[in-house]
């Protein structure tokens, strides 16, 4: 693989990471809205299944920012490597 081909592949990887971040941001916004609606409806429920679902939503919410950072860091580090190639 030539340097030119590597650069093309790196640019495609950066673009894919940026698109992935955009899609992820939209999906996480929808998930936040759905979680807020569920919280409003199920507030103060003592049902075990509701409690388990609520805990699962909290756990999933805790993964949003680390996952988003992975997209951002992938694009950033790939761009840095591309720049080093010249």
N, C-alpha and C. Protein backbone atom coordinates (compact mmCIF):
# COMPACT_ATOMS: atom_id res chain seq x y z
N UNK A 1 0.86 -1.17 0.00
CA UNK A 1 0.00 0.00 0.00
C UNK A 1 0.90 1.24 0.00
N UNK A 2 0.62 2.16 -0.89
CA UNK A 2 1.42 3.37 -0.99
C UNK A 2 1.00 4.38 0.09
N UNK A 3 1.84 5.38 0.31
CA UNK A 3 1.51 6.45 1.27
C UNK A 3 0.22 7.14 0.85
N UNK A 4 0.06 7.36 -0.44
CA UNK A 4 -1.16 7.99 -0.93
C UNK A 4 -2.40 7.18 -0.59
N UNK A 5 -2.30 5.87 -0.75
CA UNK A 5 -3.43 5.00 -0.42
C UNK A 5 -3.70 5.00 1.09
N UNK A 6 -2.65 5.05 1.87
CA UNK A 6 -2.81 5.12 3.33
C UNK A 6 -3.53 6.42 3.70
N UNK A 7 -3.13 7.52 3.09
CA UNK A 7 -3.76 8.81 3.38
C UNK A 7 -5.24 8.79 3.02
N UNK A 8 -5.56 8.19 1.88
CA UNK A 8 -6.97 8.09 1.47
C UNK A 8 -7.74 7.28 2.51
N UNK A 9 -7.18 6.17 2.95
CA UNK A 9 -7.84 5.33 3.95
C UNK A 9 -8.00 6.06 5.27
N UNK A 10 -6.99 6.83 5.67
CA UNK A 10 -7.08 7.59 6.92
C UNK A 10 -8.15 8.67 6.83
N UNK A 11 -8.21 9.36 5.70
CA UNK A 11 -9.27 10.38 5.52
C UNK A 11 -10.66 9.74 5.60
N UNK A 12 -10.80 8.57 5.00
CA UNK A 12 -12.08 7.86 5.07
C UNK A 12 -12.40 7.46 6.51
N UNK A 13 -11.39 7.05 7.26
CA UNK A 13 -11.60 6.68 8.66
C UNK A 13 -12.03 7.89 9.48
N UNK A 14 -11.42 9.03 9.23
CA UNK A 14 -11.79 10.26 9.94
C UNK A 14 -13.24 10.61 9.64
N UNK A 15 -13.59 10.56 8.37
CA UNK A 15 -14.97 10.87 7.97
C UNK A 15 -15.97 9.90 8.60
N UNK A 16 -15.62 8.64 8.64
CA UNK A 16 -16.50 7.63 9.24
C UNK A 16 -16.67 7.89 10.73
N UNK A 17 -15.60 8.25 11.41
CA UNK A 17 -15.69 8.54 12.85
C UNK A 17 -16.56 9.77 13.09
N UNK A 18 -16.42 10.78 12.25
CA UNK A 18 -17.23 12.00 12.40
C UNK A 18 -18.70 11.72 12.13
N UNK A 19 -18.98 10.92 11.11
CA UNK A 19 -20.38 10.55 10.85
C UNK A 19 -20.93 9.70 11.98
N UNK A 20 -20.10 8.78 12.48
CA UNK A 20 -20.51 7.96 13.61
C UNK A 20 -20.85 8.80 14.82
N UNK A 21 -20.04 9.82 15.08
CA UNK A 21 -20.31 10.72 16.20
C UNK A 21 -21.65 11.44 16.02
N UNK A 22 -21.92 11.90 14.80
CA UNK A 22 -23.18 12.59 14.53
C UNK A 22 -24.38 11.66 14.75
N UNK A 23 -24.29 10.46 14.24
CA UNK A 23 -25.38 9.49 14.41
C UNK A 23 -25.55 9.15 15.89
N UNK A 24 -24.44 8.94 16.56
CA UNK A 24 -24.48 8.62 17.99
C UNK A 24 -25.11 9.77 18.78
N UNK A 25 -24.76 11.01 18.45
CA UNK A 25 -25.33 12.17 19.15
C UNK A 25 -26.85 12.23 18.97
N UNK A 26 -27.31 11.97 17.75
CA UNK A 26 -28.76 11.97 17.51
C UNK A 26 -29.44 10.85 18.30
N UNK A 27 -28.84 9.68 18.27
CA UNK A 27 -29.43 8.53 18.99
C UNK A 27 -29.43 8.77 20.50
N UNK A 28 -28.37 9.35 21.02
CA UNK A 28 -28.33 9.58 22.46
C UNK A 28 -29.32 10.66 22.87
N UNK A 29 -29.54 11.65 22.01
CA UNK A 29 -30.56 12.68 22.31
C UNK A 29 -31.95 12.05 22.36
N UNK A 30 -32.23 11.16 21.42
CA UNK A 30 -33.52 10.47 21.43
C UNK A 30 -33.65 9.58 22.66
N UNK A 31 -32.58 8.93 23.03
CA UNK A 31 -32.60 8.06 24.22
C UNK A 31 -32.82 8.88 25.48
N UNK A 32 -32.19 10.06 25.56
CA UNK A 32 -32.41 10.93 26.73
C UNK A 32 -33.87 11.35 26.82
N UNK A 33 -34.46 11.70 25.68
CA UNK A 33 -35.86 12.10 25.67
C UNK A 33 -36.77 10.94 26.09
N UNK A 34 -36.48 9.75 25.59
CA UNK A 34 -37.28 8.58 25.96
C UNK A 34 -37.11 8.25 27.43
N UNK A 35 -35.90 8.38 27.94
CA UNK A 35 -35.65 8.12 29.36
C UNK A 35 -36.39 9.12 30.23
N UNK A 36 -36.38 10.37 29.84
CA UNK A 36 -37.10 11.40 30.60
C UNK A 36 -38.60 11.11 30.62
N UNK A 37 -39.13 10.69 29.48
CA UNK A 37 -40.55 10.34 29.42
C UNK A 37 -40.85 9.14 30.30
N UNK A 38 -39.99 8.14 30.26
CA UNK A 38 -40.18 6.95 31.10
C UNK A 38 -40.10 7.32 32.57
N UNK A 39 -39.15 8.17 32.92
CA UNK A 39 -39.03 8.60 34.31
C UNK A 39 -40.30 9.31 34.79
N UNK A 40 -40.86 10.15 33.92
CA UNK A 40 -42.07 10.88 34.29
C UNK A 40 -43.25 9.94 34.51
N UNK A 41 -43.33 8.91 33.66
CA UNK A 41 -44.45 7.97 33.74
C UNK A 41 -44.27 7.01 34.91
N UNK A 42 -43.06 6.55 35.12
CA UNK A 42 -42.81 5.48 36.09
C UNK A 42 -42.27 5.98 37.42
N UNK A 43 -42.30 7.27 37.61
CA UNK A 43 -41.77 7.88 38.83
C UNK A 43 -42.38 7.23 40.08
N UNK A 44 -41.54 6.89 41.01
CA UNK A 44 -41.94 6.33 42.31
C UNK A 44 -42.56 4.93 42.23
N UNK A 45 -42.37 4.25 41.12
CA UNK A 45 -42.88 2.88 41.03
C UNK A 45 -42.03 1.98 41.92
N UNK A 46 -42.67 1.01 42.54
CA UNK A 46 -41.96 0.06 43.39
C UNK A 46 -41.85 -1.31 42.73
N UNK A 47 -42.31 -1.40 41.50
CA UNK A 47 -42.25 -2.66 40.78
C UNK A 47 -40.79 -3.01 40.49
N UNK A 48 -40.42 -4.27 40.73
CA UNK A 48 -39.03 -4.70 40.53
C UNK A 48 -38.58 -4.55 39.08
N UNK A 49 -39.45 -4.87 38.14
CA UNK A 49 -39.09 -4.77 36.73
C UNK A 49 -38.87 -3.30 36.33
N UNK A 50 -39.70 -2.43 36.85
CA UNK A 50 -39.53 -1.01 36.57
C UNK A 50 -38.21 -0.51 37.15
N UNK A 51 -37.93 -0.93 38.37
CA UNK A 51 -36.68 -0.54 39.01
C UNK A 51 -35.48 -1.06 38.23
N UNK A 52 -35.54 -2.30 37.78
CA UNK A 52 -34.45 -2.88 37.00
C UNK A 52 -34.27 -2.14 35.68
N UNK A 53 -35.37 -1.81 35.04
CA UNK A 53 -35.29 -1.07 33.78
C UNK A 53 -34.69 0.32 34.02
N UNK A 54 -35.09 0.95 35.09
CA UNK A 54 -34.56 2.28 35.43
C UNK A 54 -33.05 2.21 35.67
N UNK A 55 -32.61 1.20 36.39
CA UNK A 55 -31.18 1.03 36.64
C UNK A 55 -30.41 0.77 35.34
N UNK A 56 -31.02 0.01 34.45
CA UNK A 56 -30.39 -0.26 33.16
C UNK A 56 -30.26 1.03 32.35
N UNK A 57 -31.28 1.88 32.40
CA UNK A 57 -31.22 3.16 31.70
C UNK A 57 -30.13 4.06 32.28
N UNK A 58 -29.99 4.05 33.58
CA UNK A 58 -28.95 4.83 34.24
C UNK A 58 -27.57 4.32 33.82
N UNK A 59 -27.40 3.01 33.80
CA UNK A 59 -26.12 2.42 33.39
C UNK A 59 -25.80 2.75 31.94
N UNK A 60 -26.81 2.68 31.08
CA UNK A 60 -26.60 3.01 29.67
C UNK A 60 -26.24 4.49 29.52
N UNK A 61 -26.90 5.34 30.28
CA UNK A 61 -26.61 6.77 30.24
C UNK A 61 -25.19 7.08 30.64
N UNK A 62 -24.65 6.30 31.56
CA UNK A 62 -23.28 6.52 32.02
C UNK A 62 -22.26 6.19 30.93
N UNK A 63 -22.67 5.42 29.92
CA UNK A 63 -21.76 5.05 28.84
C UNK A 63 -21.78 6.02 27.67
N UNK A 64 -22.71 6.98 27.69
CA UNK A 64 -22.86 7.87 26.54
C UNK A 64 -21.60 8.70 26.31
N UNK A 65 -21.15 9.42 27.33
CA UNK A 65 -20.00 10.30 27.13
C UNK A 65 -18.71 9.54 26.82
N UNK A 66 -18.41 8.44 27.52
CA UNK A 66 -17.21 7.69 27.12
C UNK A 66 -17.26 7.19 25.68
N UNK A 67 -18.43 6.78 25.23
CA UNK A 67 -18.56 6.30 23.85
C UNK A 67 -18.38 7.45 22.87
N UNK A 68 -18.97 8.58 23.19
CA UNK A 68 -18.82 9.77 22.33
C UNK A 68 -17.35 10.16 22.23
N UNK A 69 -16.64 10.13 23.35
CA UNK A 69 -15.21 10.47 23.35
C UNK A 69 -14.41 9.52 22.46
N UNK A 70 -14.84 8.27 22.37
CA UNK A 70 -14.13 7.33 21.50
C UNK A 70 -14.21 7.77 20.03
N UNK A 71 -15.39 8.21 19.61
CA UNK A 71 -15.53 8.72 18.25
C UNK A 71 -14.63 9.94 18.04
N UNK A 72 -14.70 10.88 18.97
CA UNK A 72 -13.91 12.11 18.87
C UNK A 72 -12.42 11.80 18.85
N UNK A 73 -11.98 10.95 19.76
CA UNK A 73 -10.56 10.62 19.84
C UNK A 73 -10.08 9.84 18.62
N UNK A 74 -10.92 9.00 18.09
CA UNK A 74 -10.54 8.27 16.88
C UNK A 74 -10.25 9.24 15.74
N UNK A 75 -11.15 10.19 15.54
CA UNK A 75 -10.96 11.18 14.48
C UNK A 75 -9.73 12.04 14.75
N UNK A 76 -9.56 12.46 16.01
CA UNK A 76 -8.45 13.33 16.37
C UNK A 76 -7.10 12.64 16.19
N UNK A 77 -6.98 11.43 16.69
CA UNK A 77 -5.71 10.71 16.59
C UNK A 77 -5.40 10.31 15.15
N UNK A 78 -6.41 9.96 14.41
CA UNK A 78 -6.20 9.61 13.00
C UNK A 78 -5.76 10.83 12.21
N UNK A 79 -6.38 11.98 12.51
CA UNK A 79 -5.99 13.23 11.83
C UNK A 79 -4.55 13.60 12.17
N UNK A 80 -4.17 13.38 13.42
CA UNK A 80 -2.79 13.68 13.81
C UNK A 80 -1.81 12.78 13.05
N UNK A 81 -2.15 11.52 12.93
CA UNK A 81 -1.28 10.60 12.20
C UNK A 81 -1.21 10.99 10.73
N UNK A 82 -2.34 11.36 10.16
CA UNK A 82 -2.37 11.80 8.76
C UNK A 82 -1.48 13.01 8.57
N UNK A 83 -1.52 13.94 9.51
CA UNK A 83 -0.69 15.14 9.43
C UNK A 83 0.80 14.78 9.51
N UNK A 84 1.12 13.81 10.34
CA UNK A 84 2.52 13.39 10.45
C UNK A 84 3.03 12.76 9.15
N UNK A 85 2.13 12.14 8.42
CA UNK A 85 2.53 11.56 7.14
C UNK A 85 2.84 12.62 6.08
N UNK A 86 2.30 13.83 6.31
CA UNK A 86 2.58 14.93 5.40
C UNK A 86 1.62 15.13 4.31
